[in-house]
C-alpha atoms as a PDB file:
ATOM      1  CA  MET A   1      96.169 -37.133 -60.429  1.00  0.00           C
ATOM      2  CA  ALA A   2      96.504 -36.392 -56.693  1.00  0.00           C
ATOM      3  CA  SER A   3      93.381 -35.026 -55.106  1.00  0.00           C
ATOM      4  CA  GLU A   4      94.830 -33.956 -51.739  1.00  0.00           C
ATOM      5  CA  ILE A   5      97.809 -34.114 -49.465  1.00  0.00           C
ATOM      6  CA  TRP A   6      97.135 -33.931 -45.737  1.00  0.00           C
ATOM      7  CA  ALA A   7      99.773 -33.372 -42.941  1.00  0.00           C
ATOM      8  CA  GLN A   8      98.101 -34.588 -39.770  1.00  0.00           C
ATOM      9  CA  GLN A   9      99.220 -33.156 -36.488  1.00  0.00           C
ATOM     10  CA  VAL A  10     102.952 -33.424 -37.504  1.00  0.00           C
ATOM     11  CA  GLY A  11     105.513 -33.167 -34.766  1.00  0.00           C
ATOM     12  CA  VAL A  12     109.304 -33.344 -35.030  1.00  0.00           C
ATOM     13  CA  ASP A  13     111.976 -33.131 -32.415  1.00  0.00           C
ATOM     14  CA  VAL A  14     115.664 -32.757 -32.623  1.00  0.00           C
ATOM     15  CA  GLY A  15     117.258 -34.052 -29.397  1.00  0.00           C
ATOM     16  CA  SER A  16     115.326 -32.413 -26.645  1.00  0.00           C
ATOM     17  CA  ARG A  17     114.105 -29.558 -28.886  1.00  0.00           C
ATOM     18  CA  THR A  18     110.556 -29.572 -30.439  1.00  0.00           C
ATOM     19  CA  ILE A  19     110.917 -28.229 -34.054  1.00  0.00           C
ATOM     20  CA  LEU A  20     107.209 -28.770 -34.976  1.00  0.00           C
ATOM     21  CA  GLU A  21     104.286 -29.675 -32.917  1.00  0.00           C
ATOM     22  CA  GLY A  22     100.659 -30.009 -34.161  1.00  0.00           C
ATOM     23  CA  ALA A  23     101.208 -28.914 -37.640  1.00  0.00           C
ATOM     24  CA  GLU A  24      98.059 -29.515 -39.717  1.00  0.00           C
ATOM     25  CA  LEU A  25      97.670 -28.835 -43.301  1.00  0.00           C
ATOM     26  CA  LYS A  26      95.330 -30.207 -45.972  1.00  0.00           C
ATOM     27  CA  VAL A  27      95.735 -28.995 -49.533  1.00  0.00           C
ATOM     28  CA  ALA A  28      93.499 -30.034 -52.468  1.00  0.00           C
ATOM     29  CA  ALA A  29      94.323 -30.235 -56.202  1.00  0.00           C
ATOM     30  CA  GLY A  30      94.367 -26.819 -57.843  1.00  0.00           C
ATOM     31  CA  GLU A  31      95.248 -25.034 -54.691  1.00  0.00           C
ATOM     32  CA  THR A  32      98.328 -22.844 -54.020  1.00  0.00           C
ATOM     33  CA  VAL A  33      99.108 -22.570 -50.278  1.00  0.00           C
ATOM     34  CA  VAL A  34     102.080 -20.714 -48.635  1.00  0.00           C
ATOM     35  CA  VAL A  35     103.429 -21.675 -45.185  1.00  0.00           C
ATOM     36  CA  THR A  36     104.678 -18.502 -43.570  1.00  0.00           C
ATOM     37  CA  GLY A  37     106.699 -17.686 -40.507  1.00  0.00           C
ATOM     38  CA  PRO A  38     109.875 -16.209 -39.378  1.00  0.00           C
ATOM     39  CA  SER A  39     113.309 -18.055 -39.570  1.00  0.00           C
ATOM     40  CA  GLY A  40     113.254 -21.046 -37.148  1.00  0.00           C
ATOM     41  CA  SER A  41     109.467 -21.389 -37.157  1.00  0.00           C
ATOM     42  CA  GLY A  42     109.556 -24.877 -38.708  1.00  0.00           C
ATOM     43  CA  LYS A  43     108.709 -24.098 -42.259  1.00  0.00           C
ATOM     44  CA  THR A  44     111.614 -26.061 -43.724  1.00  0.00           C
ATOM     45  CA  THR A  45     110.944 -29.032 -41.424  1.00  0.00           C
ATOM     46  CA  LEU A  46     107.303 -29.178 -42.386  1.00  0.00           C
ATOM     47  CA  MET A  47     108.140 -29.044 -46.147  1.00  0.00           C
ATOM     48  CA  LEU A  48     110.753 -31.891 -45.852  1.00  0.00           C
ATOM     49  CA  VAL A  49     108.057 -34.013 -43.992  1.00  0.00           C
ATOM     50  CA  MET A  50     105.405 -33.356 -46.450  1.00  0.00           C
ATOM     51  CA  ALA A  51     107.820 -34.202 -49.351  1.00  0.00           C
ATOM     52  CA  GLY A  52     108.626 -37.559 -47.617  1.00  0.00           C
ATOM     53  CA  LEU A  53     112.229 -36.494 -47.132  1.00  0.00           C
ATOM     54  CA  GLN A  54     112.052 -36.622 -43.261  1.00  0.00           C
ATOM     55  CA  ASP A  55     109.904 -38.818 -41.070  1.00  0.00           C
ATOM     56  CA  PRO A  56     107.843 -37.135 -38.387  1.00  0.00           C
ATOM     57  CA  ASP A  57     108.070 -38.151 -34.734  1.00  0.00           C
ATOM     58  CA  ARG A  58     104.300 -37.709 -34.364  1.00  0.00           C
ATOM     59  CA  GLY A  59     101.451 -37.517 -36.895  1.00  0.00           C
ATOM     60  CA  GLN A  60     101.645 -38.501 -40.525  1.00  0.00           C
ATOM     61  CA  VAL A  61     101.249 -37.229 -44.005  1.00  0.00           C
ATOM     62  CA  LEU A  62      98.843 -38.734 -46.368  1.00  0.00           C
ATOM     63  CA  LEU A  63      98.590 -38.530 -50.166  1.00  0.00           C
ATOM     64  CA  ASP A  64      95.100 -39.393 -51.242  1.00  0.00           C
ATOM     65  CA  GLY A  65      94.661 -41.296 -48.019  1.00  0.00           C
ATOM     66  CA  ASP A  66      97.952 -43.251 -48.206  1.00  0.00           C
ATOM     67  CA  PRO A  67     100.740 -42.581 -45.782  1.00  0.00           C
ATOM     68  CA  ILE A  68     103.910 -41.391 -47.713  1.00  0.00           C
ATOM     69  CA  SER A  69     106.401 -42.318 -45.144  1.00  0.00           C
ATOM     70  CA  GLY A  70     108.794 -44.919 -46.584  1.00  0.00           C
ATOM     71  CA  ARG A  71     107.046 -44.814 -49.988  1.00  0.00           C
ATOM     72  CA  ASP A  72     109.847 -44.132 -52.450  1.00  0.00           C
ATOM     73  CA  ASP A  73     107.437 -45.160 -55.194  1.00  0.00           C
ATOM     74  CA  LEU A  74     105.599 -41.831 -54.474  1.00  0.00           C
ATOM     75  CA  ARG A  75     108.668 -39.561 -55.160  1.00  0.00           C
ATOM     76  CA  LEU A  76     108.010 -39.306 -58.887  1.00  0.00           C
ATOM     77  CA  ARG A  77     104.704 -37.686 -58.084  1.00  0.00           C
ATOM     78  CA  PHE A  78     106.519 -34.880 -56.166  1.00  0.00           C
ATOM     79  CA  GLY A  79     108.468 -31.932 -57.391  1.00  0.00           C
ATOM     80  CA  VAL A  80     110.668 -30.430 -54.616  1.00  0.00           C
ATOM     81  CA  VAL A  81     112.619 -27.178 -54.436  1.00  0.00           C
ATOM     82  CA  LEU A  82     114.930 -27.305 -51.432  1.00  0.00           C
ATOM     83  CA  GLN A  83     116.178 -24.200 -49.428  1.00  0.00           C
ATOM     84  CA  ASN A  84     119.739 -24.883 -50.559  1.00  0.00           C
ATOM     85  CA  HIS A  85     118.785 -25.671 -54.178  1.00  0.00           C
ATOM     86  CA  GLY A  86     120.003 -29.251 -53.876  1.00  0.00           C
ATOM     87  CA  LEU A  87     121.763 -29.182 -57.214  1.00  0.00           C
ATOM     88  CA  VAL A  88     124.778 -31.081 -58.510  1.00  0.00           C
ATOM     89  CA  SER A  89     127.415 -28.361 -58.780  1.00  0.00           C
ATOM     90  CA  VAL A  90     129.610 -30.195 -61.412  1.00  0.00           C
ATOM     91  CA  LEU A  91     126.690 -30.689 -63.771  1.00  0.00           C
ATOM     92  CA  THR A  92     125.235 -27.974 -66.120  1.00  0.00           C
ATOM     93  CA  ALA A  93     121.947 -26.390 -65.508  1.00  0.00           C
ATOM     94  CA  ALA A  94     120.347 -28.481 -68.295  1.00  0.00           C
ATOM     95  CA  GLU A  95     121.794 -31.638 -66.784  1.00  0.00           C
ATOM     96  CA  ASN A  96     120.328 -30.898 -63.370  1.00  0.00           C
ATOM     97  CA  VAL A  97     117.002 -30.289 -64.788  1.00  0.00           C
ATOM     98  CA  ALA A  98     117.115 -33.381 -67.158  1.00  0.00           C
ATOM     99  CA  ILE A  99     117.702 -35.690 -64.024  1.00  0.00           C
ATOM    100  CA  ALA A 100     113.902 -35.202 -63.095  1.00  0.00           C
ATOM    101  CA  LEU A 101     112.853 -36.340 -66.669  1.00  0.00           C
ATOM    102  CA  GLN A 102     115.252 -39.296 -66.912  1.00  0.00           C
ATOM    103  CA  ALA A 103     113.955 -40.663 -63.695  1.00  0.00           C
ATOM    104  CA  ARG A 104     110.597 -40.871 -65.382  1.00  0.00           C
ATOM    105  CA  GLY A 105     112.050 -42.868 -68.355  1.00  0.00           C
ATOM    106  CA  LEU A 106     111.415 -40.327 -71.101  1.00  0.00           C
ATOM    107  CA  GLY A 107     113.347 -40.503 -74.321  1.00  0.00           C
ATOM    108  CA  ARG A 108     116.434 -38.419 -74.913  1.00  0.00           C
ATOM    109  CA  GLY A 109     114.828 -36.125 -77.502  1.00  0.00           C
ATOM    110  CA  GLU A 110     111.890 -35.292 -75.232  1.00  0.00           C
ATOM    111  CA  VAL A 111     114.140 -34.787 -72.157  1.00  0.00           C
ATOM    112  CA  ALA A 112     116.274 -32.387 -74.198  1.00  0.00           C
ATOM    113  CA  ASP A 113     113.247 -30.397 -75.459  1.00  0.00           C
ATOM    114  CA  ARG A 114     111.413 -30.164 -72.172  1.00  0.00           C
ATOM    115  CA  THR A 115     114.513 -29.245 -70.319  1.00  0.00           C
ATOM    116  CA  GLN A 116     115.332 -26.371 -72.774  1.00  0.00           C
ATOM    117  CA  ASP A 117     111.781 -25.164 -72.690  1.00  0.00           C
ATOM    118  CA  MET A 118     111.603 -25.018 -68.966  1.00  0.00           C
ATOM    119  CA  LEU A 119     114.800 -23.280 -68.536  1.00  0.00           C
ATOM    120  CA  VAL A 120     114.004 -20.628 -71.166  1.00  0.00           C
ATOM    121  CA  ALA A 121     110.520 -20.061 -69.425  1.00  0.00           C
ATOM    122  CA  LEU A 122     112.509 -19.211 -66.257  1.00  0.00           C
ATOM    123  CA  GLY A 123     114.742 -16.767 -68.095  1.00  0.00           C
ATOM    124  CA  LEU A 124     117.784 -19.011 -68.102  1.00  0.00           C
ATOM    125  CA  ARG A 125     118.368 -19.380 -71.917  1.00  0.00           C
ATOM    126  CA  ASP A 126     121.972 -18.221 -71.535  1.00  0.00           C
ATOM    127  CA  SER A 127     122.733 -20.507 -68.672  1.00  0.00           C
ATOM    128  CA  VAL A 128     121.529 -23.818 -70.058  1.00  0.00           C
ATOM    129  CA  ASN A 129     124.901 -25.198 -70.634  1.00  0.00           C
ATOM    130  CA  ARG A 130     126.785 -23.492 -67.779  1.00  0.00           C
ATOM    131  CA  LEU A 131     127.998 -25.439 -64.724  1.00  0.00           C
ATOM    132  CA  VAL A 132     125.740 -24.854 -61.647  1.00  0.00           C
ATOM    133  CA  ARG A 133     128.839 -23.969 -59.629  1.00  0.00           C
ATOM    134  CA  ASP A 134     129.361 -20.877 -62.035  1.00  0.00           C
ATOM    135  CA  LEU A 135     125.838 -19.616 -61.620  1.00  0.00           C
ATOM    136  CA  SER A 136     124.658 -16.943 -59.211  1.00  0.00           C
ATOM    137  CA  GLY A 137     122.488 -17.675 -56.195  1.00  0.00           C
ATOM    138  CA  GLY A 138     119.381 -16.468 -57.966  1.00  0.00           C
ATOM    139  CA  GLN A 139     120.137 -18.390 -61.141  1.00  0.00           C
ATOM    140  CA  ARG A 140     120.631 -21.628 -59.082  1.00  0.00           C
ATOM    141  CA  GLN A 141     117.255 -20.974 -57.381  1.00  0.00           C
ATOM    142  CA  ARG A 142     115.527 -20.794 -60.738  1.00  0.00           C
ATOM    143  CA  VAL A 143     117.280 -24.086 -61.947  1.00  0.00           C
ATOM    144  CA  GLY A 144     115.891 -25.714 -58.775  1.00  0.00           C
ATOM    145  CA  VAL A 145     112.477 -24.402 -59.737  1.00  0.00           C
ATOM    146  CA  ALA A 146     112.902 -25.723 -63.210  1.00  0.00           C
ATOM    147  CA  ARG A 147     113.824 -29.105 -62.030  1.00  0.00           C
ATOM    148  CA  ALA A 148     110.849 -29.289 -59.656  1.00  0.00           C
ATOM    149  CA  LEU A 149     108.290 -28.201 -62.427  1.00  0.00           C
ATOM    150  CA  VAL A 150     109.647 -29.935 -65.596  1.00  0.00           C
ATOM    151  CA  GLY A 151     108.203 -33.308 -64.877  1.00  0.00           C
ATOM    152  CA  GLU A 152     104.732 -31.840 -64.383  1.00  0.00           C
ATOM    153  CA  PRO A 153     104.472 -33.382 -60.855  1.00  0.00           C
ATOM    154  CA  GLU A 154     101.132 -33.769 -59.084  1.00  0.00           C
ATOM    155  CA  VAL A 155     102.529 -32.153 -55.907  1.00  0.00           C
ATOM    156  CA  VAL A 156     105.102 -29.268 -55.789  1.00  0.00           C
ATOM    157  CA  LEU A 157     106.686 -28.351 -52.392  1.00  0.00           C
ATOM    158  CA  ALA A 158     109.074 -25.259 -52.814  1.00  0.00           C
ATOM    159  CA  ASP A 159     111.132 -23.967 -49.795  1.00  0.00           C
ATOM    160  CA  GLU A 160     111.704 -20.181 -50.192  1.00  0.00           C
ATOM    161  CA  PRO A 161     111.712 -20.490 -53.988  1.00  0.00           C
ATOM    162  CA  THR A 162     111.929 -16.715 -54.506  1.00  0.00           C
ATOM    163  CA  SER A 163     114.158 -15.483 -51.527  1.00  0.00           C
ATOM    164  CA  GLU A 164     117.129 -14.521 -53.893  1.00  0.00           C
ATOM    165  CA  LEU A 165     115.221 -13.184 -56.777  1.00  0.00           C
ATOM    166  CA  ASP A 166     114.364  -9.573 -57.919  1.00  0.00           C
ATOM    167  CA  SER A 167     110.725  -8.540 -58.207  1.00  0.00           C
ATOM    168  CA  GLU A 168     110.526  -9.444 -61.928  1.00  0.00           C
ATOM    169  CA  ARG A 169     111.933 -12.899 -61.438  1.00  0.00           C
ATOM    170  CA  ARG A 170     110.012 -13.468 -58.323  1.00  0.00           C
ATOM    171  CA  ALA A 171     106.744 -12.750 -60.324  1.00  0.00           C
ATOM    172  CA  LEU A 172     107.870 -15.039 -63.049  1.00  0.00           C
ATOM    173  CA  VAL A 173     108.418 -18.004 -60.585  1.00  0.00           C
ATOM    174  CA  LEU A 174     105.004 -17.265 -58.838  1.00  0.00           C
ATOM    175  CA  ASN A 175     103.177 -17.086 -62.047  1.00  0.00           C
ATOM    176  CA  LEU A 176     104.633 -20.478 -63.088  1.00  0.00           C
ATOM    177  CA  MET A 177     103.642 -22.032 -59.736  1.00  0.00           C
ATOM    178  CA  ARG A 178     100.093 -20.678 -59.990  1.00  0.00           C
ATOM    179  CA  ASP A 179      99.689 -21.996 -63.541  1.00  0.00           C
ATOM    180  CA  HIS A 180     100.910 -25.445 -62.354  1.00  0.00           C
ATOM    181  CA  ALA A 181      98.198 -25.398 -59.618  1.00  0.00           C
ATOM    182  CA  ALA A 182      95.631 -24.203 -62.108  1.00  0.00           C
ATOM    183  CA  LYS A 183      96.202 -27.476 -64.127  1.00  0.00           C
ATOM    184  CA  GLY A 184      94.877 -29.417 -61.214  1.00  0.00           C
ATOM    185  CA  ASN A 185      98.028 -29.961 -59.291  1.00  0.00           C
ATOM    186  CA  ILE A 186      98.962 -29.144 -55.580  1.00  0.00           C
ATOM    187  CA  VAL A 187     101.437 -26.390 -54.834  1.00  0.00           C
ATOM    188  CA  ILE A 188     102.792 -25.659 -51.431  1.00  0.00           C
ATOM    189  CA  LEU A 189     105.359 -22.923 -50.949  1.00  0.00           C
ATOM    190  CA  ALA A 190     107.259 -21.963 -47.784  1.00  0.00           C
ATOM    191  CA  SER A 191     108.301 -18.310 -47.555  1.00  0.00           C
ATOM    192  CA  HIS A 192     108.812 -15.415 -45.146  1.00  0.00           C
ATOM    193  CA  ASP A 193     108.031 -13.099 -48.122  1.00  0.00           C
ATOM    194  CA  GLN A 194     104.655 -11.258 -47.686  1.00  0.00           C
ATOM    195  CA  VAL A 195     104.373 -10.809 -51.528  1.00  0.00           C
ATOM    196  CA  VAL A 196     104.528 -14.604 -51.897  1.00  0.00           C
ATOM    197  CA  ALA A 197     101.996 -15.030 -49.143  1.00  0.00           C
ATOM    198  CA  ASP A 198      99.584 -12.526 -50.857  1.00  0.00           C
ATOM    199  CA  ALA A 199      99.800 -14.542 -53.965  1.00  0.00           C
ATOM    200  CA  ALA A 200      98.493 -17.770 -52.386  1.00  0.00           C
ATOM    201  CA  GLY A 201      94.981 -18.912 -52.084  1.00  0.00           C
ATOM    202  CA  ARG A 202      95.601 -19.237 -48.185  1.00  0.00           C
ATOM    203  CA  THR A 203      98.413 -19.478 -45.822  1.00  0.00           C
ATOM    204  CA  LEU A 204      99.516 -21.506 -42.794  1.00  0.00           C
ATOM    205  CA  ASP A 205     101.411 -19.370 -40.298  1.00  0.00           C
ATOM    206  CA  LEU A 206     103.891 -21.119 -38.006  1.00  0.00           C
ATOM    207  CA  VAL A 207     105.201 -19.458 -34.853  1.00  0.00           C
ATOM    208  CA  ASP A 208     107.954 -21.509 -32.807  1.00  0.00           C
ATOM    209  CA  GLY A 209     107.001 -24.740 -34.605  1.00  0.00           C
ATOM    210  CA  ARG A 210     103.225 -24.371 -33.952  1.00  0.00           C
ATOM    211  CA  PRO A 211     100.340 -23.087 -36.085  1.00  0.00           C
ATOM    212  CA  ARG A 212      99.573 -19.529 -34.996  1.00  0.00           C
ATOM    213  CA  GLY A 213      96.751 -19.553 -32.542  1.00  0.00           C
ATOM    214  CA  SER A 214      97.365 -23.134 -31.306  1.00  0.00           C
END
């Protein structure tokens, strides 16, 4: 079980533009933290770096003291919700979620049961066998959340996981995220939604790629 993840003075450039500079975030097991800020503030970039999906130009991210850059073996310890959902449109909702369990080598029966249970928990009982391309944006978003949580990862990084949801479904997702953290896991959300920020134990506010006040 991971005890902490630590982004240390992370900086990212795209061409001559600085997207992130001096981003510092340490999150311990059991915590739910929200990265806030307006569009273009660097939230998505920070989430990608902390998930090991993008290498920083400066700084590093440590998981229990070990740098995650280039460590594909650490991927199974993470559950990630991408802003664009990152789903395979020609697969069903269940097939998309099952991928996360199959990667962990679970048996077919357990994969099917856990996939079904997670989709039902997210209010997607009627969408289990529908192709992702036929789902609404909000349904796709919840499938992405289901895929991130189903493997019970030690670290969850979710980029705008509630942006397309009504208040009832937003509360459902937030409750599942907080429950996951309460089991001793790490949960980091990126959101511009104040309701989401208020649900967190603490926040990191980014402005123009830098922590507010820096």
